[in-house]
């Protein structure tokens, strides 16, 4: 009955793994396998090609351990960090070129820290070159039954030609368990300690999901968050492969859900095997970069505290809609229907206390401690020398600036002094002197004329003229009697 419910809901799970608004479907590869029998308990896109990211390092570890088994090298074989290895981008240990490290410590470092520089050194040291080691990876993968994988580098950094599949990674996980039973602790180390630095395993299931005991995580923008995980309960071991998730948290919770489901199932005789899974019709891996690495948000991480607090379930992101969510309203409808305690906001418990395994450079802990001490002294000396050089440079720059300012000030002072001396000793221009002398009398005459004009107007000489002008007007009244006399005389003559 449970299997029938699961089967009916698989269609829903796949349908919800579609890109919202996109014309084509992208299915996130998911696979649950019984480790002992190789029976498939659930698969989704298990043979689709996918970018592996750092789960590549499981293939690197298999090739290295196989060479140890054949007696070609030993775990004490020293590997040298080349300039090319040192130049690999993070995650990395940051070893300087020329640093040596045993293969045993190198394997522990790549399983826990996922150090790309150390993985590169393994490839160069065991294969003669990275290209030579990639050939060994491909030959070994073909031999153990991996069909979809194509390897070009030993660390999983972006390489468009490097593909794998969930099915191939489950086959590799089974081969590691089967062929190297004495090395199983390599895949469950919770942390390593190098000098005073403690580095926790990127696998967020270790120490958080009961029974989790391996193996490896990986992340690049084009492939999303991947994990090949193993867990043991009641003597039974389950392999879960989860690829293409939008965050470390989504990946870890989905893997935990798959473990819950796997341990609740029995591998019946009708269940398919890894080898019987049909080939995919997908030709090339999808590029998840536009959905995983949004330029408007911080770059996702697969290490340190950030991986444990990355965008949680229910986050409304393009990647969550694309690949399904670790919540009942998306990819876990089937798990919820089966009665799992998978509810919105499910979280894993806090990680158990770390138990760091020491690693070192050189051939022994003593030699490594001495080498590390030398490197620290050299680094401190270089830091002090750089500090002193910077101080000298600042002092020289300040002295040069002060000298230039003083020289400019002195030059300006000398120039001003010369200008004042020239002004004192220089003869006055003749034209200006004549004009000045000429302008003084003219101004005086004009001033005298202006001052004299009112005085002249006030002199008594002008009074007779004024009186003379007024006298005829004063005699006008006398003209009337004379006229009257004339009229009277005329009247008398007439009479």
Protein backbone atom coordinates (compact mmCIF):
# COMPACT_ATOMS: atom_id res chain seq x y z
CA UNK A 1 0.00 0.00 0.00
CA UNK A 2 2.78 2.40 0.95
CA UNK A 3 4.57 1.69 -2.32
CA UNK A 4 1.37 2.37 -4.28
CA UNK A 5 0.92 5.71 -2.51
CA UNK A 6 4.54 6.53 -3.24
CA UNK A 7 4.16 5.57 -6.88
CA UNK A 8 1.06 7.72 -7.36
CA UNK A 9 2.85 10.71 -5.86
CA UNK A 10 6.03 10.35 -7.89
CA UNK A 11 4.28 12.04 -10.80
CA UNK A 12 3.48 14.99 -8.55
CA UNK A 13 7.08 15.12 -7.35
CA UNK A 14 8.39 15.17 -10.91
CA UNK A 15 5.82 17.70 -12.09
CA UNK A 16 6.78 20.04 -9.31
CA UNK A 17 10.39 19.86 -10.45
CA UNK A 18 9.68 22.16 -13.40
CA UNK A 19 11.10 25.58 -13.94
CA UNK A 20 8.38 28.16 -13.38
CA UNK A 21 7.60 29.92 -16.63
CA UNK A 22 10.16 27.91 -18.62
CA UNK A 23 9.43 25.91 -21.73
CA UNK A 24 11.60 22.97 -20.78
CA UNK A 25 11.64 20.83 -17.63
CA UNK A 26 14.66 20.36 -15.41
CA UNK A 27 14.56 17.46 -12.97
CA UNK A 28 16.90 17.50 -10.01
CA UNK A 29 18.65 14.10 -9.81
CA UNK A 30 17.66 12.17 -6.67
CA UNK A 31 18.48 8.57 -5.82
CA UNK A 32 17.99 6.31 -2.79
CA UNK A 33 19.80 2.95 -2.80
CA UNK A 34 20.21 0.02 -0.44
CA UNK A 35 24.00 -0.09 -0.07
CA UNK A 36 24.35 -3.85 0.39
CA UNK A 37 22.11 -5.04 -2.44
CA UNK A 38 22.35 -2.11 -4.82
CA UNK A 39 18.56 -2.07 -5.09
CA UNK A 40 17.01 1.26 -6.00
CA UNK A 41 14.41 2.45 -3.51
CA UNK A 42 13.64 5.64 -5.38
CA UNK A 43 15.11 7.42 -8.39
CA UNK A 44 14.45 10.68 -10.20
CA UNK A 45 16.61 11.74 -13.13
CA UNK A 46 19.20 9.25 -11.86
CA UNK A 47 21.01 8.87 -15.19
CA UNK A 48 20.72 12.49 -16.34
CA UNK A 49 24.10 14.18 -16.87
CA UNK A 50 25.00 16.68 -14.16
CA UNK A 51 27.98 18.80 -13.12
CA UNK A 52 29.52 17.02 -10.12
CA UNK A 53 31.42 19.84 -8.38
CA UNK A 54 33.44 18.55 -5.41
CA UNK A 55 31.83 15.11 -5.23
CA UNK A 56 34.48 14.60 -7.94
CA UNK A 57 36.88 14.14 -5.02
CA UNK A 58 35.28 10.74 -4.27
CA UNK A 59 36.58 9.61 -7.67
CA UNK A 60 39.99 11.12 -6.87
CA UNK A 61 40.04 9.22 -3.56
CA UNK A 62 39.09 5.94 -5.24
CA UNK A 63 41.93 6.19 -7.79
CA UNK A 64 44.45 7.09 -5.04
CA UNK A 65 43.34 4.27 -2.73
CA UNK A 66 43.37 1.85 -5.65
CA UNK A 67 47.00 2.77 -6.35
CA UNK A 68 47.81 2.14 -2.68
CA UNK A 69 46.06 -1.24 -2.88
CA UNK A 70 48.14 -2.11 -5.96
CA UNK A 71 51.36 -1.11 -4.18
CA UNK A 72 52.19 1.68 -6.61
CA UNK A 73 52.21 4.28 -3.83
CA UNK A 74 51.69 4.31 -0.07
CA UNK A 75 49.72 6.54 2.25
CA UNK A 76 53.10 7.96 3.36
CA UNK A 77 54.02 9.01 -0.19
CA UNK A 78 54.91 12.70 -0.20
CA UNK A 79 53.12 14.99 -2.62
CA UNK A 80 54.46 18.45 -3.52
CA UNK A 81 52.32 21.53 -3.96
CA UNK A 82 53.23 22.96 -7.36
CA UNK A 83 52.70 26.58 -8.42
CA UNK A 84 49.73 25.39 -10.52
CA UNK A 85 48.21 23.61 -7.50
CA UNK A 86 48.79 26.64 -5.26
CA UNK A 87 47.02 28.83 -7.84
CA UNK A 88 43.75 26.85 -7.71
CA UNK A 89 40.81 28.88 -6.37
CA UNK A 90 39.08 28.17 -3.03
CA UNK A 91 38.11 26.16 -1.23
CA UNK A 92 41.81 25.55 -0.52
CA UNK A 93 44.43 25.16 2.21
CA UNK A 94 46.60 27.92 0.79
CA UNK A 95 49.86 25.95 0.93
CA UNK A 96 52.88 27.62 -0.64
CA UNK A 97 54.54 26.06 -3.69
CA UNK A 98 57.11 23.50 -2.58
CA UNK A 99 55.12 22.41 0.50
CA UNK A 100 55.03 18.63 0.90
CA UNK A 101 52.24 16.54 2.37
CA UNK A 102 51.60 12.82 2.73
CA UNK A 103 48.91 11.17 0.63
CA UNK A 104 47.13 10.12 3.83
CA UNK A 105 46.84 13.72 5.05
CA UNK A 106 45.97 14.89 1.56
CA UNK A 107 42.99 12.50 1.40
CA UNK A 108 41.74 13.61 4.81
CA UNK A 109 42.00 17.24 3.77
CA UNK A 110 40.07 16.82 0.51
CA UNK A 111 37.32 14.83 2.21
CA UNK A 112 36.81 17.40 4.99
CA UNK A 113 38.03 20.78 3.73
CA UNK A 114 37.45 19.92 0.05
CA UNK A 115 40.71 21.69 -0.73
CA UNK A 116 41.15 22.21 -4.47
CA UNK A 117 44.89 22.90 -4.23
CA UNK A 118 45.52 19.59 -2.45
CA UNK A 119 43.32 17.67 -4.92
CA UNK A 120 45.36 19.16 -7.76
CA UNK A 121 48.56 18.06 -6.04
CA UNK A 122 47.21 14.49 -5.77
CA UNK A 123 46.44 14.49 -9.48
CA UNK A 124 49.89 15.80 -10.44
CA UNK A 125 51.73 13.59 -7.95
CA UNK A 126 50.00 10.29 -8.78
CA UNK A 127 49.23 10.80 -12.45
CA UNK A 128 52.34 12.69 -13.53
CA UNK A 129 50.02 15.48 -14.62
CA UNK A 130 46.41 16.43 -14.14
CA UNK A 131 45.66 15.18 -17.63
CA UNK A 132 47.32 11.86 -16.88
CA UNK A 133 45.35 11.49 -13.65
CA UNK A 134 42.09 12.32 -15.46
CA UNK A 135 42.83 9.44 -17.84
CA UNK A 136 43.20 7.17 -14.80
CA UNK A 137 39.91 8.47 -13.40
CA UNK A 138 38.06 7.71 -16.63
CA UNK A 139 39.61 4.24 -16.96
CA UNK A 140 38.72 3.37 -13.36
CA UNK A 141 35.18 4.74 -13.70
CA UNK A 142 34.56 2.56 -16.76
CA UNK A 143 35.95 -0.48 -14.97
CA UNK A 144 33.66 -0.21 -11.96
CA UNK A 145 30.53 0.36 -14.07
CA UNK A 146 30.10 4.12 -14.23
CA UNK A 147 28.50 4.91 -17.60
CA UNK A 148 27.70 8.62 -17.68
CA UNK A 149 30.84 10.10 -16.11
CA UNK A 150 33.54 12.07 -17.95
CA UNK A 151 36.46 13.38 -15.88
CA UNK A 152 38.90 16.18 -16.73
CA UNK A 153 40.18 17.38 -13.34
CA UNK A 154 40.56 15.90 -9.85
CA UNK A 155 38.83 18.60 -7.82
CA UNK A 156 35.53 19.34 -9.56
CA UNK A 157 36.09 23.01 -10.29
CA UNK A 158 33.99 24.22 -13.25
CA UNK A 159 34.79 22.31 -16.43
CA UNK A 160 31.97 22.19 -19.01
CA UNK A 161 33.08 18.76 -20.24
CA UNK A 162 33.09 17.13 -16.78
CA UNK A 163 29.83 15.28 -16.15
CA UNK A 164 28.51 12.53 -13.96
CA UNK A 165 25.10 11.21 -12.84
CA UNK A 166 23.39 10.26 -9.60
CA UNK A 167 23.51 6.61 -10.64
CA UNK A 168 27.27 6.74 -11.31
CA UNK A 169 27.92 8.40 -7.95
CA UNK A 170 25.91 5.70 -6.15
CA UNK A 171 27.96 3.06 -7.97
CA UNK A 172 31.15 4.84 -6.88
CA UNK A 173 29.94 5.03 -3.27
CA UNK A 174 29.26 1.28 -3.23
CA UNK A 175 32.68 0.60 -4.78
CA UNK A 176 34.43 2.67 -2.10
CA UNK A 177 32.63 0.69 0.63
CA UNK A 178 33.26 -2.65 -1.02
CA UNK A 179 36.87 -2.23 -2.15
CA UNK A 180 38.29 -0.23 0.79
CA UNK A 181 36.51 -1.37 3.96
CA UNK A 182 39.46 -0.28 6.12
CA UNK A 183 39.21 3.29 4.87
CA UNK A 184 35.57 3.97 5.74
CA UNK A 185 36.54 6.36 8.54
CA UNK A 186 38.01 8.63 5.88
CA UNK A 187 34.51 9.64 4.77
CA UNK A 188 33.05 10.38 8.22
CA UNK A 189 35.71 12.69 9.74
CA UNK A 190 33.84 15.53 11.42
CA UNK A 191 36.77 17.98 11.32
CA UNK A 192 40.51 18.29 10.79
CA UNK A 193 42.99 20.37 12.78
CA UNK A 194 45.95 21.98 11.08
CA UNK A 195 48.11 23.84 13.54
CA UNK A 196 45.69 25.95 15.55
CA UNK A 197 43.00 25.93 12.85
CA UNK A 198 40.01 23.58 13.10
CA UNK A 199 38.03 23.00 9.90
CA UNK A 200 34.62 21.28 10.03
CA UNK A 201 33.40 18.87 7.36
CA UNK A 202 31.15 20.50 4.75
CA UNK A 203 28.74 17.56 5.07
CA UNK A 204 25.91 19.04 7.12
CA UNK A 205 24.45 15.61 7.88
CA UNK A 206 27.43 14.38 9.91
CA UNK A 207 26.74 14.80 13.60
CA UNK A 208 23.21 16.06 12.84
CA UNK A 209 21.31 13.16 11.28
CA UNK A 210 21.32 9.96 13.39
CA UNK A 211 23.49 7.33 11.73
CA UNK A 212 25.00 9.59 9.03
CA UNK A 213 28.52 8.31 8.28
CA UNK A 214 29.64 9.77 4.95
CA UNK A 215 30.51 10.82 2.26
CA UNK A 216 31.05 14.09 0.31
CA UNK A 217 29.39 17.34 -0.69
CA UNK A 218 29.98 19.60 -3.66
CA UNK A 219 28.90 22.96 -5.00
CA UNK A 220 29.43 25.06 -8.11
CA UNK A 221 26.97 27.56 -9.55
CA UNK A 222 26.37 25.51 -12.70
CA UNK A 223 25.57 22.32 -10.75
CA UNK A 224 24.02 23.59 -7.54
CA UNK A 225 24.45 21.86 -4.19
CA UNK A 226 25.22 18.14 -4.43
CA UNK A 227 25.83 15.39 -1.89
CA UNK A 228 26.58 11.69 -1.86
CA UNK A 229 25.52 10.70 1.64
CA UNK A 230 25.41 7.46 3.60
CA UNK A 231 23.69 6.54 6.85
CA UNK A 232 23.46 3.32 8.87
CA UNK A 233 20.58 2.23 11.09
CA UNK A 234 20.00 -1.19 12.61
CA UNK A 235 22.88 -2.66 10.63
CA UNK A 236 21.43 -1.46 7.33
CA UNK A 237 23.14 1.16 5.20
CA UNK A 238 21.43 3.55 2.78
CA UNK A 239 23.00 5.69 0.05
CA UNK A 240 21.28 8.95 -0.85
CA UNK A 241 22.40 11.08 -3.80
CA UNK A 242 20.93 14.57 -4.04
CA UNK A 243 22.03 16.99 -6.77
CA UNK A 244 21.24 20.46 -8.04
CA UNK A 245 19.70 21.92 -4.88
CA UNK A 246 19.49 25.71 -4.37
CA UNK A 247 21.20 25.75 -0.97
CA UNK A 248 23.18 23.56 1.41
CA UNK A 249 20.24 23.54 3.79
CA UNK A 250 17.75 22.39 1.14
CA UNK A 251 20.18 19.67 0.12
CA UNK A 252 20.73 18.43 3.69
CA UNK A 253 17.04 18.38 4.57
CA UNK A 254 16.13 16.60 1.35
CA UNK A 255 18.83 13.98 2.00
CA UNK A 256 17.48 13.51 5.55
CA UNK A 257 13.97 13.02 4.15
CA UNK A 258 15.29 10.46 1.69
CA UNK A 259 17.06 8.58 4.49
CA UNK A 260 13.81 8.53 6.49
CA UNK A 261 12.00 7.12 3.50
CA UNK A 262 14.74 4.64 2.62
CA UNK A 263 14.94 3.14 6.10
CA UNK A 264 11.15 2.73 6.05
CA UNK A 265 11.31 0.66 2.84
CA UNK A 266 12.42 -2.88 2.13
CA UNK A 267 14.40 -3.70 -0.98
CA UNK A 268 11.96 -6.13 -2.60
CA UNK A 269 12.98 -8.56 -5.30
CA UNK A 270 11.10 -6.44 -7.87
CA UNK A 271 13.09 -3.31 -7.11
CA UNK A 272 15.43 -2.26 -9.94
CA UNK A 273 19.19 -2.31 -9.53
CA UNK A 274 21.57 0.54 -10.29
CA UNK A 275 22.81 -1.28 -13.35
CA UNK A 276 19.27 -1.72 -14.75
CA UNK A 277 18.30 1.95 -14.66
CA UNK A 278 17.58 3.15 -18.22
CA UNK A 279 19.82 5.63 -19.98
CA UNK A 280 18.78 9.25 -19.99
CA UNK A 281 17.38 11.07 -22.97
CA UNK A 282 19.03 14.31 -21.77
CA UNK A 283 22.06 15.11 -23.92
CA UNK A 284 23.93 17.64 -21.78
CA UNK A 285 23.81 18.90 -18.18
CA UNK A 286 21.63 21.96 -17.53
CA UNK A 287 23.45 25.09 -16.42
CA UNK A 288 21.93 26.06 -13.07
CA UNK A 289 23.95 29.25 -12.64
CA UNK A 290 21.06 31.67 -13.37
CA UNK A 291 18.95 29.98 -10.69
CA UNK A 292 21.57 29.14 -8.05
CA UNK A 293 23.86 32.18 -8.13
CA UNK A 294 21.62 35.25 -8.26
CA UNK A 295 23.81 38.33 -8.73
CA UNK A 296 21.43 40.33 -6.53
CA UNK A 297 22.14 38.09 -3.53
CA UNK A 298 25.29 36.94 -1.70
CA UNK A 299 27.16 34.03 -3.25
CA UNK A 300 25.92 30.72 -1.79
CA UNK A 301 28.45 28.78 0.29
CA UNK A 302 29.06 25.13 1.02
CA UNK A 303 31.35 25.52 4.02
CA UNK A 304 31.40 27.05 7.45
CA UNK A 305 28.43 28.47 9.38
CA UNK A 306 26.96 30.04 6.25
CA UNK A 307 26.15 26.64 4.82
CA UNK A 308 24.09 25.78 7.88
CA UNK A 309 22.05 29.00 7.70
CA UNK A 310 21.61 29.35 3.96
CA UNK A 311 18.15 30.06 2.54
CA UNK A 312 15.78 27.73 4.31
CA UNK A 313 12.75 25.77 3.20
CA UNK A 314 9.94 27.82 1.84
CA UNK A 315 12.29 30.43 0.40
CA UNK A 316 10.67 31.92 -2.66
CA UNK A 317 13.50 31.55 -5.11
CA UNK A 318 13.69 30.60 -8.76
CA UNK A 319 15.83 27.59 -7.88
CA UNK A 320 13.33 26.32 -5.32
CA UNK A 321 10.52 26.57 -7.85
CA UNK A 322 12.75 24.97 -10.44
CA UNK A 323 13.84 21.94 -8.45
CA UNK A 324 11.16 21.51 -5.85
CA UNK A 325 11.37 22.47 -2.18
CA UNK A 326 12.13 20.50 0.95
CA UNK A 327 8.62 21.31 2.18
CA UNK A 328 5.24 19.54 1.95
CA UNK A 329 3.96 21.98 -0.68
CA UNK A 330 6.60 20.89 -3.18
CA UNK A 331 9.12 18.06 -3.44
CA UNK A 332 8.15 16.38 -0.16
CA UNK A 333 4.44 15.85 -0.76
CA UNK A 334 5.21 12.16 -1.04
CA UNK A 335 7.23 12.07 2.16
CA UNK A 336 4.49 13.93 4.04
CA UNK A 337 1.89 11.49 2.72
CA UNK A 338 3.99 8.62 4.04
CA UNK A 339 3.72 9.99 7.57
CA UNK A 340 7.18 11.49 7.95
CA UNK A 341 7.66 14.33 10.38
CA UNK A 342 8.56 16.57 7.46
CA UNK A 343 6.69 19.79 8.06
CA UNK A 344 7.29 23.32 6.89
CA UNK A 345 10.37 24.69 8.59
CA UNK A 346 11.90 21.32 9.44
CA UNK A 347 15.45 21.73 10.62
CA UNK A 348 18.21 19.36 11.57
CA UNK A 349 19.43 19.44 15.17
CA UNK A 350 22.63 21.29 16.08
CA UNK A 351 25.81 19.53 15.07
CA UNK A 352 27.39 17.26 17.66
CA UNK A 353 30.74 18.43 19.09
CA UNK A 354 33.50 18.15 16.53
CA UNK A 355 36.25 15.58 16.96
CA UNK A 356 39.11 17.00 14.90
CA UNK A 357 41.70 14.71 13.34
CA UNK A 358 45.19 16.29 13.18
CA UNK A 359 46.83 16.76 9.80
CA UNK A 360 50.25 18.19 9.04
CA UNK A 361 52.69 19.04 6.29
CA UNK A 362 55.91 17.06 5.85
CA UNK A 363 56.42 13.38 6.53
CA UNK A 364 55.61 13.33 10.27
CA UNK A 365 53.82 15.41 12.92
CA UNK A 366 57.18 16.52 14.34
CA UNK A 367 58.53 17.54 10.97
CA UNK A 368 55.21 19.13 10.17
CA UNK A 369 55.22 21.12 13.40
CA UNK A 370 58.74 22.33 12.70
CA UNK A 371 57.88 23.21 9.11
CA UNK A 372 54.72 24.99 10.22
CA UNK A 373 56.70 26.91 12.85
CA UNK A 374 59.22 27.93 10.19
CA UNK A 375 56.44 29.02 7.88
CA UNK A 376 54.81 31.02 10.65
CA UNK A 377 58.13 32.68 11.49
CA UNK A 378 58.73 33.43 7.83
CA UNK A 379 55.22 34.78 7.49
CA UNK A 380 55.66 36.93 10.60
CA UNK A 381 59.03 38.18 9.37
CA UNK A 382 57.56 38.95 5.95
CA UNK A 383 54.66 40.76 7.60
CA UNK A 384 57.03 42.79 9.78
CA UNK A 385 59.24 43.59 6.79
CA UNK A 386 56.21 44.69 4.79
CA UNK A 387 55.07 46.84 7.70
CA UNK A 388 58.48 48.47 8.04
CA UNK A 389 58.70 49.01 4.28
CA UNK A 390 55.29 50.65 4.32
CA UNK A 391 56.32 52.86 7.21
CA UNK A 392 59.52 53.87 5.41
CA UNK A 393 57.57 54.60 2.27
CA UNK A 394 55.12 56.78 4.17
CA UNK A 395 57.98 58.60 5.93
CA UNK A 396 59.79 59.19 2.63
CA UNK A 397 56.59 60.41 1.00
CA UNK A 398 55.95 62.80 3.90
CA UNK A 399 59.55 64.11 3.81
CA UNK A 400 59.32 64.67 0.07
CA UNK A 401 56.00 66.47 0.48
CA UNK A 402 57.34 68.67 3.28
CA UNK A 403 60.46 69.50 1.24
CA UNK A 404 58.36 70.41 -1.79
CA UNK A 405 56.08 72.59 0.36
CA UNK A 406 59.10 74.37 1.95
CA UNK A 407 60.73 74.90 -1.45
CA UNK A 408 57.49 76.35 -2.84
CA UNK A 409 57.15 78.60 0.21
CA UNK A 410 60.78 79.83 -0.10
CA UNK A 411 60.36 80.49 -3.81
CA UNK A 412 57.20 82.48 -3.20
CA UNK A 413 58.92 84.52 -0.47
CA UNK A 414 61.90 85.33 -2.69
CA UNK A 415 59.60 86.34 -5.52
CA UNK A 416 57.62 88.67 -3.27
CA UNK A 417 60.83 90.27 -1.93
CA UNK A 418 62.11 90.91 -5.44
CA UNK A 419 58.80 92.46 -6.43
CA UNK A 420 58.87 94.86 -3.47
CA UNK A 421 62.48 95.87 -4.18
CA UNK A 422 61.69 96.52 -7.81
CA UNK A 423 58.70 98.68 -6.85
CA UNK A 424 60.85 100.90 -4.59
CA UNK A 425 63.73 101.51 -7.01
CA UNK A 426 61.78 101.86 -10.25
CA UNK A 427 61.50 105.57 -11.65
CA UNK A 428 58.04 107.06 -12.05
CA UNK A 429 56.82 107.18 -15.66
CA UNK A 430 57.18 110.69 -17.26
CA UNK A 431 53.77 110.66 -18.89
CA UNK A 432 52.02 109.92 -15.64
CA UNK A 433 54.00 112.67 -13.82
CA UNK A 434 53.15 115.33 -16.45
CA UNK A 435 49.52 114.33 -16.47
CA UNK A 436 49.41 114.53 -12.70
CA UNK A 437 51.11 117.94 -12.63
CA UNK A 438 48.83 119.26 -15.37
CA UNK A 439 45.76 117.97 -13.74
CA UNK A 440 46.41 119.89 -10.50
CA UNK A 441 46.12 123.51 -11.92
CA UNK A 442 43.19 122.55 -14.05
CA UNK A 443 41.42 121.18 -11.08
CA UNK A 444 42.33 124.26 -9.05
CA UNK A 445 41.01 126.66 -11.76
CA UNK A 446 37.82 124.74 -12.06
CA UNK A 447 37.39 124.76 -8.32
CA UNK A 448 38.12 128.59 -8.24
CA UNK A 449 35.57 129.27 -10.98
CA UNK A 450 32.91 127.28 -9.17
CA UNK A 451 33.65 129.04 -5.88
CA UNK A 452 33.80 132.51 -7.51
CA UNK A 453 30.51 132.25 -9.37
CA UNK A 454 28.21 132.64 -6.32
CA UNK A 455 30.30 135.46 -4.98
CA UNK A 456 30.08 137.39 -8.26
CA UNK A 457 26.32 136.93 -8.30
CA UNK A 458 26.10 138.47 -4.81
CA UNK A 459 28.06 141.74 -5.61
CA UNK A 460 26.19 145.21 -5.25
CA UNK A 461 27.17 146.20 -8.80
CA UNK A 462 24.15 144.34 -10.04
CA UNK A 463 21.69 146.34 -7.82
CA UNK A 464 21.47 149.61 -9.96
CA UNK A 465 20.67 147.53 -12.96
CA UNK A 466 17.90 145.87 -11.04
CA UNK A 467 16.58 149.31 -9.82
CA UNK A 468 16.72 150.72 -13.32
CA UNK A 469 14.72 147.83 -14.59
CA UNK A 470 12.06 148.42 -11.97
CA UNK A 471 11.74 152.33 -12.32
CA UNK A 472 9.52 152.42 -15.41
CA UNK A 473 7.10 150.15 -13.67
CA UNK A 474 7.06 152.50 -10.66
CA UNK A 475 6.18 155.56 -12.93
CA UNK A 476 3.27 153.83 -14.63
CA UNK A 477 0.71 155.11 -12.16
CA UNK A 478 1.74 158.76 -13.10
CA UNK A 479 0.71 158.20 -16.70
CA UNK A 480 -2.98 158.13 -15.80
CA UNK A 481 -3.21 161.77 -14.49
CA UNK A 482 -1.50 163.05 -17.61
CA UNK A 483 -3.99 161.22 -19.74
CA UNK A 484 -6.86 162.60 -17.73
CA UNK A 485 -5.51 166.13 -18.19
CA UNK A 486 -5.26 165.63 -21.90
CA UNK A 487 -8.80 164.32 -22.05
CA UNK A 488 -10.07 167.20 -19.96
CA UNK A 489 -8.29 169.68 -22.17
CA UNK A 490 -9.72 168.06 -25.24
CA UNK A 491 -13.23 168.24 -23.80
CA UNK A 492 -12.74 171.86 -22.94
CA UNK A 493 -11.57 172.60 -26.51
CA UNK A 494 -14.60 170.86 -27.89
CA UNK A 495 -16.94 172.76 -25.73
